[in-house]
Amino acid sequence: MSDLKQHFQYYWIRFTSSLESDRGRGEVSATTVVMAAALIALAIAVGATLSTRIKDKANRLNLG
């Protein structure tokens, strides 16, 4: 078995056991909260950037 496959299996087992223990306790880990906050911040930043670019593009249109 290759080293990469062994590492993958190790991390997969750790992930599933962590998931099972979290599910059993009904708790949300700090990592989950941080990842959710990071994804929300990223979504807000992307939305703001798109909104600004669309407004700028619309203001540059010559309709007259």
N, C-alpha and C. Protein backbone atom coordinates (compact mmCIF):
# COMPACT_ATOMS: atom_id res chain seq x y z
N MET A 1 0.85 -1.17 0.00
CA MET A 1 0.00 0.00 0.00
C MET A 1 0.90 1.24 0.00
N SER A 2 0.55 2.20 -0.81
CA SER A 2 1.40 3.39 -0.91
C SER A 2 1.23 4.28 0.31
N ASP A 3 2.22 5.14 0.52
CA ASP A 3 2.17 6.06 1.66
C ASP A 3 0.99 7.01 1.56
N LEU A 4 0.72 7.48 0.36
CA LEU A 4 -0.39 8.41 0.17
C LEU A 4 -1.71 7.77 0.55
N LYS A 5 -1.90 6.52 0.15
CA LYS A 5 -3.14 5.82 0.48
C LYS A 5 -3.25 5.59 1.98
N GLN A 6 -2.14 5.28 2.63
CA GLN A 6 -2.15 5.09 4.08
C GLN A 6 -2.52 6.39 4.79
N HIS A 7 -1.95 7.50 4.34
CA HIS A 7 -2.27 8.80 4.95
C HIS A 7 -3.74 9.13 4.74
N PHE A 8 -4.22 8.89 3.54
CA PHE A 8 -5.63 9.17 3.26
C PHE A 8 -6.54 8.34 4.16
N GLN A 9 -6.23 7.06 4.31
CA GLN A 9 -7.05 6.21 5.15
C GLN A 9 -6.99 6.65 6.61
N TYR A 10 -5.81 7.04 7.07
CA TYR A 10 -5.66 7.52 8.45
C TYR A 10 -6.53 8.75 8.69
N TYR A 11 -6.41 9.74 7.79
CA TYR A 11 -7.18 10.96 7.98
C TYR A 11 -8.67 10.71 7.80
N TRP A 12 -9.05 9.80 6.94
CA TRP A 12 -10.47 9.48 6.76
C TRP A 12 -11.04 8.84 8.03
N ILE A 13 -10.27 7.92 8.63
CA ILE A 13 -10.71 7.29 9.88
C ILE A 13 -10.83 8.33 10.99
N ARG A 14 -9.84 9.24 11.08
CA ARG A 14 -9.91 10.30 12.09
C ARG A 14 -11.13 11.20 11.87
N PHE A 15 -11.39 11.55 10.61
CA PHE A 15 -12.53 12.40 10.27
C PHE A 15 -13.85 11.73 10.65
N THR A 16 -14.00 10.47 10.27
CA THR A 16 -15.27 9.80 10.55
C THR A 16 -15.47 9.57 12.04
N SER A 17 -14.39 9.25 12.76
CA SER A 17 -14.54 9.06 14.20
C SER A 17 -14.86 10.39 14.89
N SER A 18 -14.25 11.47 14.43
CA SER A 18 -14.56 12.79 14.99
C SER A 18 -16.01 13.16 14.70
N LEU A 19 -16.45 12.86 13.50
CA LEU A 19 -17.83 13.14 13.13
C LEU A 19 -18.80 12.35 13.99
N GLU A 20 -18.49 11.10 14.23
CA GLU A 20 -19.34 10.25 15.07
C GLU A 20 -19.39 10.76 16.50
N SER A 21 -18.25 11.15 17.04
CA SER A 21 -18.25 11.63 18.42
C SER A 21 -18.97 12.96 18.55
N ASP A 22 -18.81 13.84 17.56
CA ASP A 22 -19.54 15.11 17.58
C ASP A 22 -21.04 14.88 17.46
N ARG A 23 -21.42 13.96 16.61
CA ARG A 23 -22.83 13.67 16.40
C ARG A 23 -23.44 13.07 17.67
N GLY A 24 -22.66 12.25 18.34
CA GLY A 24 -23.14 11.61 19.57
C GLY A 24 -23.35 12.61 20.69
N ARG A 25 -22.51 13.60 20.75
CA ARG A 25 -22.62 14.61 21.80
C ARG A 25 -23.54 15.75 21.41
N GLY A 26 -23.80 15.89 20.13
CA GLY A 26 -24.63 16.98 19.68
C GLY A 26 -23.94 18.33 19.72
N GLU A 27 -22.63 18.34 19.70
CA GLU A 27 -21.86 19.57 19.80
C GLU A 27 -21.35 20.00 18.43
N VAL A 28 -21.09 21.29 18.33
CA VAL A 28 -20.46 21.83 17.13
C VAL A 28 -19.04 22.22 17.53
N SER A 29 -18.07 21.73 16.80
CA SER A 29 -16.69 22.00 17.16
C SER A 29 -16.31 23.44 16.77
N ALA A 30 -15.25 23.91 17.37
CA ALA A 30 -14.77 25.26 17.08
C ALA A 30 -14.32 25.37 15.63
N THR A 31 -13.77 24.30 15.08
CA THR A 31 -13.34 24.32 13.69
C THR A 31 -14.53 24.54 12.76
N THR A 32 -15.65 23.90 13.06
CA THR A 32 -16.84 24.07 12.25
C THR A 32 -17.33 25.52 12.29
N VAL A 33 -17.30 26.11 13.45
CA VAL A 33 -17.73 27.51 13.58
C VAL A 33 -16.81 28.44 12.81
N VAL A 34 -15.51 28.22 12.90
CA VAL A 34 -14.55 29.07 12.20
C VAL A 34 -14.70 28.92 10.69
N MET A 35 -14.87 27.69 10.23
CA MET A 35 -15.04 27.46 8.78
C MET A 35 -16.33 28.09 8.28
N ALA A 36 -17.40 28.00 9.04
CA ALA A 36 -18.66 28.62 8.64
C ALA A 36 -18.51 30.13 8.56
N ALA A 37 -17.85 30.72 9.55
CA ALA A 37 -17.64 32.16 9.55
C ALA A 37 -16.78 32.59 8.36
N ALA A 38 -15.77 31.81 8.04
CA ALA A 38 -14.91 32.14 6.90
C ALA A 38 -15.68 32.06 5.59
N LEU A 39 -16.52 31.06 5.44
CA LEU A 39 -17.32 30.94 4.22
C LEU A 39 -18.34 32.06 4.10
N ILE A 40 -18.93 32.45 5.21
CA ILE A 40 -19.88 33.57 5.18
C ILE A 40 -19.17 34.86 4.79
N ALA A 41 -17.99 35.10 5.37
CA ALA A 41 -17.23 36.30 5.04
C ALA A 41 -16.83 36.31 3.57
N LEU A 42 -16.45 35.16 3.05
CA LEU A 42 -16.09 35.05 1.64
C LEU A 42 -17.29 35.34 0.74
N ALA A 43 -18.44 34.82 1.11
CA ALA A 43 -19.65 35.07 0.32
C ALA A 43 -20.02 36.54 0.32
N ILE A 44 -19.90 37.20 1.46
CA ILE A 44 -20.20 38.64 1.54
C ILE A 44 -19.21 39.43 0.69
N ALA A 45 -17.93 39.08 0.75
CA ALA A 45 -16.92 39.79 -0.03
C ALA A 45 -17.16 39.62 -1.53
N VAL A 46 -17.49 38.42 -1.95
CA VAL A 46 -17.76 38.18 -3.37
C VAL A 46 -19.00 38.94 -3.81
N GLY A 47 -20.03 38.94 -2.99
CA GLY A 47 -21.25 39.68 -3.32
C GLY A 47 -21.00 41.18 -3.43
N ALA A 48 -20.22 41.72 -2.52
CA ALA A 48 -19.92 43.15 -2.56
C ALA A 48 -19.10 43.50 -3.80
N THR A 49 -18.13 42.66 -4.13
CA THR A 49 -17.30 42.90 -5.31
C THR A 49 -18.13 42.85 -6.58
N LEU A 50 -18.97 41.83 -6.70
CA LEU A 50 -19.82 41.73 -7.89
C LEU A 50 -20.78 42.91 -8.00
N SER A 51 -21.36 43.29 -6.89
CA SER A 51 -22.29 44.42 -6.89
C SER A 51 -21.60 45.70 -7.35
N THR A 52 -20.41 45.95 -6.84
CA THR A 52 -19.66 47.15 -7.22
C THR A 52 -19.30 47.13 -8.70
N ARG A 53 -18.84 46.01 -9.19
CA ARG A 53 -18.47 45.91 -10.60
C ARG A 53 -19.68 46.08 -11.51
N ILE A 54 -20.80 45.52 -11.13
CA ILE A 54 -22.01 45.64 -11.96
C ILE A 54 -22.50 47.08 -11.97
N LYS A 55 -22.47 47.75 -10.82
CA LYS A 55 -22.89 49.15 -10.76
C LYS A 55 -21.97 50.03 -11.60
N ASP A 56 -20.66 49.81 -11.50
CA ASP A 56 -19.70 50.59 -12.30
C ASP A 56 -19.93 50.39 -13.81
N LYS A 57 -20.15 49.16 -14.19
CA LYS A 57 -20.38 48.84 -15.60
C LYS A 57 -21.68 49.50 -16.08
N ALA A 58 -22.72 49.47 -15.27
CA ALA A 58 -23.99 50.07 -15.64
C ALA A 58 -23.87 51.59 -15.74
N ASN A 59 -23.09 52.20 -14.89
CA ASN A 59 -22.91 53.65 -14.93
C ASN A 59 -22.11 54.10 -16.15
N ARG A 60 -21.30 53.23 -16.73
CA ARG A 60 -20.50 53.58 -17.89
C ARG A 60 -21.26 53.41 -19.21
N LEU A 61 -22.43 52.82 -19.18
CA LEU A 61 -23.20 52.62 -20.40
C LEU A 61 -23.67 53.96 -20.96
N ASN A 62 -23.53 54.13 -22.25
CA ASN A 62 -24.00 55.34 -22.93
C ASN A 62 -25.36 55.02 -23.55
N LEU A 63 -26.42 55.49 -22.94
CA LEU A 63 -27.77 55.20 -23.40
C LEU A 63 -28.35 56.32 -24.24
N GLY A 64 -27.64 57.44 -24.38
CA GLY A 64 -28.20 58.58 -25.06
C GLY A 64 -27.65 58.77 -26.38
